[in-house]
C-alpha atoms as a PDB file:
ATOM      1  CA  MET A   1      -8.062   3.917  11.579  1.00  0.00           C
ATOM      2  CA  THR A   2      -6.124   6.938  12.956  1.00  0.00           C
ATOM      3  CA  ALA A   3      -2.515   7.373  11.214  1.00  0.00           C
ATOM      4  CA  PRO A   4      -0.703   6.221  13.751  1.00  0.00           C
ATOM      5  CA  TRP A   5      -2.676   3.027  14.027  1.00  0.00           C
ATOM      6  CA  LYS A   6      -2.651   2.754  10.273  1.00  0.00           C
ATOM      7  CA  GLN A   7       1.307   2.959  10.624  1.00  0.00           C
ATOM      8  CA  ARG A   8       1.350   0.398  13.436  1.00  0.00           C
ATOM      9  CA  PHE A   9      -0.566  -1.800  11.346  1.00  0.00           C
ATOM     10  CA  TRP A  10       1.339  -1.665   7.902  1.00  0.00           C
ATOM     11  CA  ALA A  11       4.587  -2.053  10.156  1.00  0.00           C
ATOM     12  CA  ALA A  12       3.404  -5.418  11.689  1.00  0.00           C
ATOM     13  CA  ILE A  13       2.278  -6.501   8.168  1.00  0.00           C
ATOM     14  CA  LEU A  14       5.831  -5.906   6.807  1.00  0.00           C
ATOM     15  CA  LEU A  15       7.551  -7.554   9.985  1.00  0.00           C
ATOM     16  CA  ALA A  16       5.650 -10.642   9.533  1.00  0.00           C
ATOM     17  CA  VAL A  17       6.176 -10.984   5.975  1.00  0.00           C
ATOM     18  CA  LEU A  18      10.012 -10.028   6.280  1.00  0.00           C
ATOM     19  CA  ALA A  19      10.108 -12.721   9.436  1.00  0.00           C
ATOM     20  CA  ALA A  20       8.494 -15.247   7.409  1.00  0.00           C
ATOM     21  CA  VAL A  21      10.461 -14.852   4.263  1.00  0.00           C
ATOM     22  CA  GLY A  22      13.523 -15.259   6.637  1.00  0.00           C
ATOM     23  CA  VAL A  23      12.312 -18.414   8.364  1.00  0.00           C
ATOM     24  CA  ALA A  24      11.133 -19.633   5.478  1.00  0.00           C
ATOM     25  CA  ALA A  25      14.223 -19.441   3.634  1.00  0.00           C
ATOM     26  CA  TRP A  26      16.230 -20.336   6.672  1.00  0.00           C
ATOM     27  CA  GLN A  27      14.468 -23.862   7.100  1.00  0.00           C
ATOM     28  CA  GLY A  28      14.131 -24.554   3.270  1.00  0.00           C
ATOM     29  CA  GLY A  29      18.023 -24.476   3.110  1.00  0.00           C
ATOM     30  CA  LEU A  30      17.634 -21.283   0.917  1.00  0.00           C
ATOM     31  CA  LEU A  31      20.220 -19.071   2.397  1.00  0.00           C
ATOM     32  CA  ARG A  32      22.826 -21.645   2.481  1.00  0.00           C
ATOM     33  CA  SER A  33      21.890 -22.414  -1.004  1.00  0.00           C
ATOM     34  CA  LEU A  34      22.343 -19.042  -2.486  1.00  0.00           C
ATOM     35  CA  ALA A  35      26.196 -18.976  -1.667  1.00  0.00           C
ATOM     36  CA  ASP A  36      26.461 -22.230  -3.766  1.00  0.00           C
ATOM     37  CA  ARG A  37      26.266 -21.211  -7.500  1.00  0.00           C
ATOM     38  CA  GLU A  38      25.901 -24.951  -8.843  1.00  0.00           C
ATOM     39  CA  ARG A  39      23.138 -25.419  -5.947  1.00  0.00           C
ATOM     40  CA  VAL A  40      21.456 -22.003  -7.554  1.00  0.00           C
ATOM     41  CA  VAL A  41      21.699 -23.209 -10.980  1.00  0.00           C
ATOM     42  CA  GLU A  42      19.983 -26.630 -10.227  1.00  0.00           C
ATOM     43  CA  LEU A  43      17.042 -24.434  -8.299  1.00  0.00           C
ATOM     44  CA  LEU A  44      16.800 -22.427 -11.175  1.00  0.00           C
ATOM     45  CA  ARG A  45      16.505 -25.456 -13.679  1.00  0.00           C
ATOM     46  CA  ALA A  46      13.085 -26.399 -12.683  1.00  0.00           C
ATOM     47  CA  GLU A  47      10.741 -27.368 -15.218  1.00  0.00           C
ATOM     48  CA  GLY A  48       8.061 -24.926 -16.932  1.00  0.00           C
ATOM     49  CA  TRP A  49       6.970 -22.050 -15.194  1.00  0.00           C
ATOM     50  CA  LYS A  50       8.601 -22.816 -11.844  1.00  0.00           C
ATOM     51  CA  GLY A  51      12.107 -21.875 -13.217  1.00  0.00           C
ATOM     52  CA  PRO A  52      11.438 -18.260 -13.941  1.00  0.00           C
ATOM     53  CA  ALA A  53       9.184 -18.022 -10.681  1.00  0.00           C
ATOM     54  CA  VAL A  54      12.319 -19.404  -8.595  1.00  0.00           C
ATOM     55  CA  CYS A  55      14.450 -16.990 -10.028  1.00  0.00           C
ATOM     56  CA  VAL A  56      12.244 -13.958  -9.262  1.00  0.00           C
ATOM     57  CA  ALA A  57      11.734 -15.481  -5.833  1.00  0.00           C
ATOM     58  CA  VAL A  58      15.735 -16.030  -5.565  1.00  0.00           C
ATOM     59  CA  GLN A  59      16.380 -12.467  -6.639  1.00  0.00           C
ATOM     60  CA  PHE A  60      13.910 -11.072  -4.090  1.00  0.00           C
ATOM     61  CA  VAL A  61      15.022 -12.926  -1.210  1.00  0.00           C
ATOM     62  CA  GLN A  62      18.509 -11.960  -2.176  1.00  0.00           C
ATOM     63  CA  VAL A  63      17.561  -8.120  -1.921  1.00  0.00           C
ATOM     64  CA  VAL A  64      15.596  -8.451   1.239  1.00  0.00           C
ATOM     65  CA  VAL A  65      18.048 -10.184   3.250  1.00  0.00           C
ATOM     66  CA  PHE A  66      20.506  -7.801   2.321  1.00  0.00           C
ATOM     67  CA  PHE A  67      24.090  -9.848   3.475  1.00  0.00           C
ATOM     68  CA  ILE A  68      23.282 -12.455   0.837  1.00  0.00           C
ATOM     69  CA  PRO A  69      25.510 -11.566  -2.342  1.00  0.00           C
ATOM     70  CA  GLY A  70      23.896 -10.802  -5.529  1.00  0.00           C
ATOM     71  CA  GLU A  71      26.641 -11.674  -7.744  1.00  0.00           C
ATOM     72  CA  ILE A  72      26.061 -15.430  -7.527  1.00  0.00           C
ATOM     73  CA  THR A  73      22.428 -15.452  -8.176  1.00  0.00           C
ATOM     74  CA  GLN A  74      22.456 -13.243 -11.203  1.00  0.00           C
ATOM     75  CA  PHE A  75      25.077 -15.129 -12.605  1.00  0.00           C
ATOM     76  CA  ALA A  76      23.308 -18.310 -12.255  1.00  0.00           C
ATOM     77  CA  ALA A  77      20.345 -16.701 -13.986  1.00  0.00           C
ATOM     78  CA  GLY A  78      22.219 -15.708 -16.939  1.00  0.00           C
ATOM     79  CA  TYR A  79      23.710 -19.194 -16.847  1.00  0.00           C
ATOM     80  CA  VAL A  80      20.480 -20.874 -17.053  1.00  0.00           C
ATOM     81  CA  PHE A  81      18.410 -18.684 -19.112  1.00  0.00           C
ATOM     82  CA  GLY A  82      20.669 -16.695 -20.950  1.00  0.00           C
ATOM     83  CA  ALA A  83      21.453 -13.017 -21.265  1.00  0.00           C
ATOM     84  CA  TRP A  84      17.747 -11.288 -21.854  1.00  0.00           C
ATOM     85  CA  LYS A  85      15.595 -13.676 -19.916  1.00  0.00           C
ATOM     86  CA  GLY A  86      17.972 -13.920 -17.304  1.00  0.00           C
ATOM     87  CA  PHE A  87      18.090 -10.049 -17.008  1.00  0.00           C
ATOM     88  CA  VAL A  88      14.313  -9.640 -17.084  1.00  0.00           C
ATOM     89  CA  PHE A  89      13.771 -12.407 -14.385  1.00  0.00           C
ATOM     90  CA  SER A  90      16.538 -11.042 -12.337  1.00  0.00           C
ATOM     91  CA  ALA A  91      15.297  -7.487 -12.604  1.00  0.00           C
ATOM     92  CA  VAL A  92      11.901  -8.209 -11.510  1.00  0.00           C
ATOM     93  CA  GLY A  93      12.743  -9.875  -8.511  1.00  0.00           C
ATOM     94  CA  ILE A  94      15.382  -7.386  -7.592  1.00  0.00           C
ATOM     95  CA  MET A  95      12.906  -4.620  -8.037  1.00  0.00           C
ATOM     96  CA  LEU A  96      10.222  -6.238  -6.060  1.00  0.00           C
ATOM     97  CA  GLY A  97      12.769  -6.626  -3.197  1.00  0.00           C
ATOM     98  CA  SER A  98      13.903  -2.867  -3.444  1.00  0.00           C
ATOM     99  CA  ALA A  99      10.360  -2.028  -3.362  1.00  0.00           C
ATOM    100  CA  PHE A 100       9.689  -3.853  -0.134  1.00  0.00           C
ATOM    101  CA  ASP A 101      12.965  -2.572   1.645  1.00  0.00           C
ATOM    102  CA  PHE A 102      12.135   0.954   0.828  1.00  0.00           C
ATOM    103  CA  ALA A 103       8.210   0.406   1.945  1.00  0.00           C
ATOM    104  CA  PHE A 104       9.489  -1.438   4.995  1.00  0.00           C
ATOM    105  CA  ALA A 105      11.734   1.214   6.244  1.00  0.00           C
ATOM    106  CA  ARG A 106       9.245   4.047   5.598  1.00  0.00           C
ATOM    107  CA  VAL A 107       6.598   2.412   7.380  1.00  0.00           C
ATOM    108  CA  VAL A 108       8.560   1.007  10.524  1.00  0.00           C
ATOM    109  CA  GLY A 109      10.999   4.296  10.618  1.00  0.00           C
ATOM    110  CA  ARG A 110      14.389   4.981  11.641  1.00  0.00           C
ATOM    111  CA  PRO A 111      14.582   3.502  15.338  1.00  0.00           C
ATOM    112  CA  THR A 112      13.725  -0.126  14.089  1.00  0.00           C
ATOM    113  CA  LEU A 113      16.056   0.207  10.885  1.00  0.00           C
ATOM    114  CA  GLU A 114      18.994   1.473  12.861  1.00  0.00           C
ATOM    115  CA  LYS A 115      18.743  -2.126  14.837  1.00  0.00           C
ATOM    116  CA  MET A 116      18.889  -3.990  11.403  1.00  0.00           C
ATOM    117  CA  ILE A 117      21.312  -1.695   9.167  1.00  0.00           C
ATOM    118  CA  PRO A 118      24.902  -0.879   9.909  1.00  0.00           C
ATOM    119  CA  ARG A 119      25.504   2.760  11.159  1.00  0.00           C
ATOM    120  CA  PRO A 120      28.257   3.188   8.101  1.00  0.00           C
ATOM    121  CA  THR A 121      25.783   2.411   5.623  1.00  0.00           C
ATOM    122  CA  MET A 122      23.163   4.574   6.956  1.00  0.00           C
ATOM    123  CA  GLU A 123      25.347   7.444   7.336  1.00  0.00           C
ATOM    124  CA  LYS A 124      26.434   7.019   3.685  1.00  0.00           C
ATOM    125  CA  VAL A 125      22.936   7.251   2.415  1.00  0.00           C
ATOM    126  CA  ASP A 126      22.172  10.342   4.937  1.00  0.00           C
ATOM    127  CA  ALA A 127      25.120  12.041   3.595  1.00  0.00           C
ATOM    128  CA  ALA A 128      24.459  11.408   0.070  1.00  0.00           C
ATOM    129  CA  LEU A 129      20.532  12.645   0.364  1.00  0.00           C
ATOM    130  CA  ASP A 130      21.478  15.443   2.580  1.00  0.00           C
ATOM    131  CA  ASN A 131      22.099  17.951  -0.615  1.00  0.00           C
ATOM    132  CA  ALA A 132      20.928  19.835  -3.366  1.00  0.00           C
ATOM    133  CA  ARG A 133      21.815  16.547  -5.868  1.00  0.00           C
ATOM    134  CA  GLY A 134      20.593  13.703  -3.650  1.00  0.00           C
ATOM    135  CA  LYS A 135      19.304  11.762  -6.510  1.00  0.00           C
ATOM    136  CA  SER A 136      22.383  11.961  -8.487  1.00  0.00           C
ATOM    137  CA  ALA A 137      24.357  10.963  -5.339  1.00  0.00           C
ATOM    138  CA  LEU A 138      22.282   8.180  -4.723  1.00  0.00           C
ATOM    139  CA  PHE A 139      22.485   6.940  -8.197  1.00  0.00           C
ATOM    140  CA  LEU A 140      26.373   7.130  -7.873  1.00  0.00           C
ATOM    141  CA  LEU A 141      26.349   4.860  -4.428  1.00  0.00           C
ATOM    142  CA  PHE A 142      23.946   2.083  -6.182  1.00  0.00           C
ATOM    143  CA  LEU A 143      26.299   2.188  -9.453  1.00  0.00           C
ATOM    144  CA  LEU A 144      29.667   1.777  -7.775  1.00  0.00           C
ATOM    145  CA  PRO A 145      30.887  -1.561  -7.001  1.00  0.00           C
ATOM    146  CA  GLY A 146      31.300  -2.654  -3.431  1.00  0.00           C
ATOM    147  CA  MET A 147      28.462  -0.782  -2.002  1.00  0.00           C
ATOM    148  CA  PRO A 148      25.696  -2.472  -0.045  1.00  0.00           C
ATOM    149  CA  LYS A 149      22.971  -1.830  -2.605  1.00  0.00           C
ATOM    150  CA  ASP A 150      20.031  -3.881  -0.984  1.00  0.00           C
ATOM    151  CA  ALA A 151      20.800  -2.467   2.728  1.00  0.00           C
ATOM    152  CA  MET A 152      21.095   1.140   1.033  1.00  0.00           C
ATOM    153  CA  SER A 153      17.471   0.424  -0.349  1.00  0.00           C
ATOM    154  CA  TYR A 154      16.082   0.142   3.563  1.00  0.00           C
ATOM    155  CA  GLY A 155      17.875   3.192   4.252  1.00  0.00           C
ATOM    156  CA  ALA A 156      16.594   5.603   1.192  1.00  0.00           C
ATOM    157  CA  GLY A 157      13.054   4.903   2.664  1.00  0.00           C
ATOM    158  CA  LEU A 158      14.155   7.080   5.413  1.00  0.00           C
ATOM    159  CA  SER A 159      14.672   9.821   3.093  1.00  0.00           C
ATOM    160  CA  HIS A 160      12.659  12.720   1.079  1.00  0.00           C
ATOM    161  CA  LEU A 161      12.436  10.710  -2.002  1.00  0.00           C
ATOM    162  CA  SER A 162       9.391   9.461  -3.179  1.00  0.00           C
ATOM    163  CA  PHE A 163       8.624   5.709  -4.043  1.00  0.00           C
ATOM    164  CA  THR A 164       8.483   6.377  -7.776  1.00  0.00           C
ATOM    165  CA  GLU A 165      12.131   8.244  -7.888  1.00  0.00           C
ATOM    166  CA  PHE A 166      13.809   5.592  -5.917  1.00  0.00           C
ATOM    167  CA  MET A 167      12.777   2.846  -8.086  1.00  0.00           C
ATOM    168  CA  VAL A 168      13.578   4.769 -10.966  1.00  0.00           C
ATOM    169  CA  VAL A 169      17.124   5.920 -10.059  1.00  0.00           C
ATOM    170  CA  SER A 170      17.712   2.505  -8.007  1.00  0.00           C
ATOM    171  CA  GLY A 171      16.815   0.332 -11.171  1.00  0.00           C
ATOM    172  CA  LEU A 172      18.847   2.442 -13.668  1.00  0.00           C
ATOM    173  CA  ALA A 173      21.959   2.366 -11.529  1.00  0.00           C
ATOM    174  CA  ARG A 174      21.687  -1.325 -10.805  1.00  0.00           C
ATOM    175  CA  SER A 175      21.260  -2.297 -14.112  1.00  0.00           C
ATOM    176  CA  PRO A 176      24.559  -2.221 -15.433  1.00  0.00           C
ATOM    177  CA  ALA A 177      26.083  -4.305 -12.824  1.00  0.00           C
ATOM    178  CA  LEU A 178      23.324  -6.963 -13.191  1.00  0.00           C
ATOM    179  CA  ALA A 179      23.597  -6.925 -16.686  1.00  0.00           C
ATOM    180  CA  ALA A 180      27.306  -7.875 -16.618  1.00  0.00           C
ATOM    181  CA  SER A 181      26.669 -10.499 -14.248  1.00  0.00           C
ATOM    182  CA  VAL A 182      24.008 -12.078 -16.164  1.00  0.00           C
ATOM    183  CA  VAL A 183      25.635 -11.676 -19.653  1.00  0.00           C
ATOM    184  CA  LEU A 184      28.945 -13.339 -17.672  1.00  0.00           C
ATOM    185  CA  GLY A 185      26.621 -16.201 -16.919  1.00  0.00           C
ATOM    186  CA  SER A 186      25.207 -16.615 -20.368  1.00  0.00           C
ATOM    187  CA  GLN A 187      28.972 -16.628 -22.082  1.00  0.00           C
ATOM    188  CA  ALA A 188      29.971 -19.241 -18.995  1.00  0.00           C
ATOM    189  CA  ASN A 189      26.985 -21.832 -20.389  1.00  0.00           C
ATOM    190  CA  GLN A 190      28.368 -21.175 -23.908  1.00  0.00           C
ATOM    191  CA  ARG A 191      31.994 -21.741 -23.170  1.00  0.00           C
ATOM    192  CA  ASN A 192      32.755 -18.210 -24.759  1.00  0.00           C
ATOM    193  CA  TYR A 193      35.727 -17.504 -22.655  1.00  0.00           C
ATOM    194  CA  ARG A 194      36.845 -15.019 -25.197  1.00  0.00           C
ATOM    195  CA  ALA A 195      34.051 -12.997 -24.810  1.00  0.00           C
ATOM    196  CA  MET A 196      34.109 -13.268 -20.839  1.00  0.00           C
ATOM    197  CA  ILE A 197      37.414 -11.709 -20.812  1.00  0.00           C
ATOM    198  CA  VAL A 198      36.212  -8.877 -22.915  1.00  0.00           C
ATOM    199  CA  THR A 199      32.952  -8.306 -20.678  1.00  0.00           C
ATOM    200  CA  GLY A 200      35.312  -8.591 -17.691  1.00  0.00           C
ATOM    201  CA  VAL A 201      37.588  -5.939 -18.983  1.00  0.00           C
ATOM    202  CA  VAL A 202      34.798  -3.375 -19.802  1.00  0.00           C
ATOM    203  CA  VAL A 203      33.347  -4.282 -16.532  1.00  0.00           C
ATOM    204  CA  VAL A 204      36.774  -3.243 -14.852  1.00  0.00           C
ATOM    205  CA  ILE A 205      37.130  -0.223 -16.708  1.00  0.00           C
ATOM    206  CA  ALA A 206      33.506   0.880 -16.040  1.00  0.00           C
ATOM    207  CA  MET A 207      33.990   0.585 -12.412  1.00  0.00           C
ATOM    208  CA  GLY A 208      37.087   2.206 -12.172  1.00  0.00           C
ATOM    209  CA  GLY A 209      35.521   5.231 -14.126  1.00  0.00           C
ATOM    210  CA  ALA A 210      32.916   5.229 -11.707  1.00  0.00           C
ATOM    211  CA  TYR A 211      35.146   4.948  -8.607  1.00  0.00           C
ATOM    212  CA  PHE A 212      37.666   7.806  -9.434  1.00  0.00           C
ATOM    213  CA  TYR A 213      34.830   9.991 -10.793  1.00  0.00           C
ATOM    214  CA  GLU A 214      32.889   9.431  -7.182  1.00  0.00           C
ATOM    215  CA  ARG A 215      36.196  10.205  -5.541  1.00  0.00           C
ATOM    216  CA  ARG A 216      36.894  13.446  -7.377  1.00  0.00           C
ATOM    217  CA  ARG A 217      33.178  14.519  -6.752  1.00  0.00           C
ATOM    218  CA  SER A 218      33.698  13.969  -3.173  1.00  0.00           C
ATOM    219  CA  ARG A 219      36.559  15.690  -2.878  1.00  0.00           C
ATOM    220  CA  ARG A 220      35.219  18.963  -4.576  1.00  0.00           C
ATOM    221  CA  HIS A 221      31.773  18.510  -2.178  1.00  0.00           C
ATOM    222  CA  ALA A 222      34.119  18.378   0.890  1.00  0.00           C
ATOM    223  CA  SER A 223      36.378  21.554  -0.241  1.00  0.00           C
END
């Protein structure tokens, strides 16, 4: 099988997987459920191994279908499983989803991806990686609040980064926000509202510091 045919073959496979995930999630009501915290909690409370498996699957779908907000599913994971297990189950699903996004973009190429990803997101990733400190820039983009991290995983697949580099950079950058969401969920389950306030304040301070650092870095780069 020649290289172009190999690429087309794997592109067809990944497109089929993406379509199957989307159709199954829509017909099963999962897409609507992921926007409802109480429904997500109910899904994760399945007995035995099903609960952790559902948690991994939910996080995977949330990353692949990138317009679904991840904070709700991550909070629910902490609420049901506690901080440590919630973090581990969520991290596995998120990293599997990120790996799929990256591989999908690398196989199908830019023309197909530009039909799925908003142009401003593609431009942010292109600009971040089009310099000598591309890894650091991408790390900051994944770290900063409000950034479309899941869509950026697709965009990163078009960069010069290797698969391993992307997984390490995105995994480390995603961890603080994921940990905060899971910890808040665990504290909410324990009704430890004082701890939730402390965690929230720490998160706001950390996000503010990262935001202002990125603004300062961007101004220096522009000048």
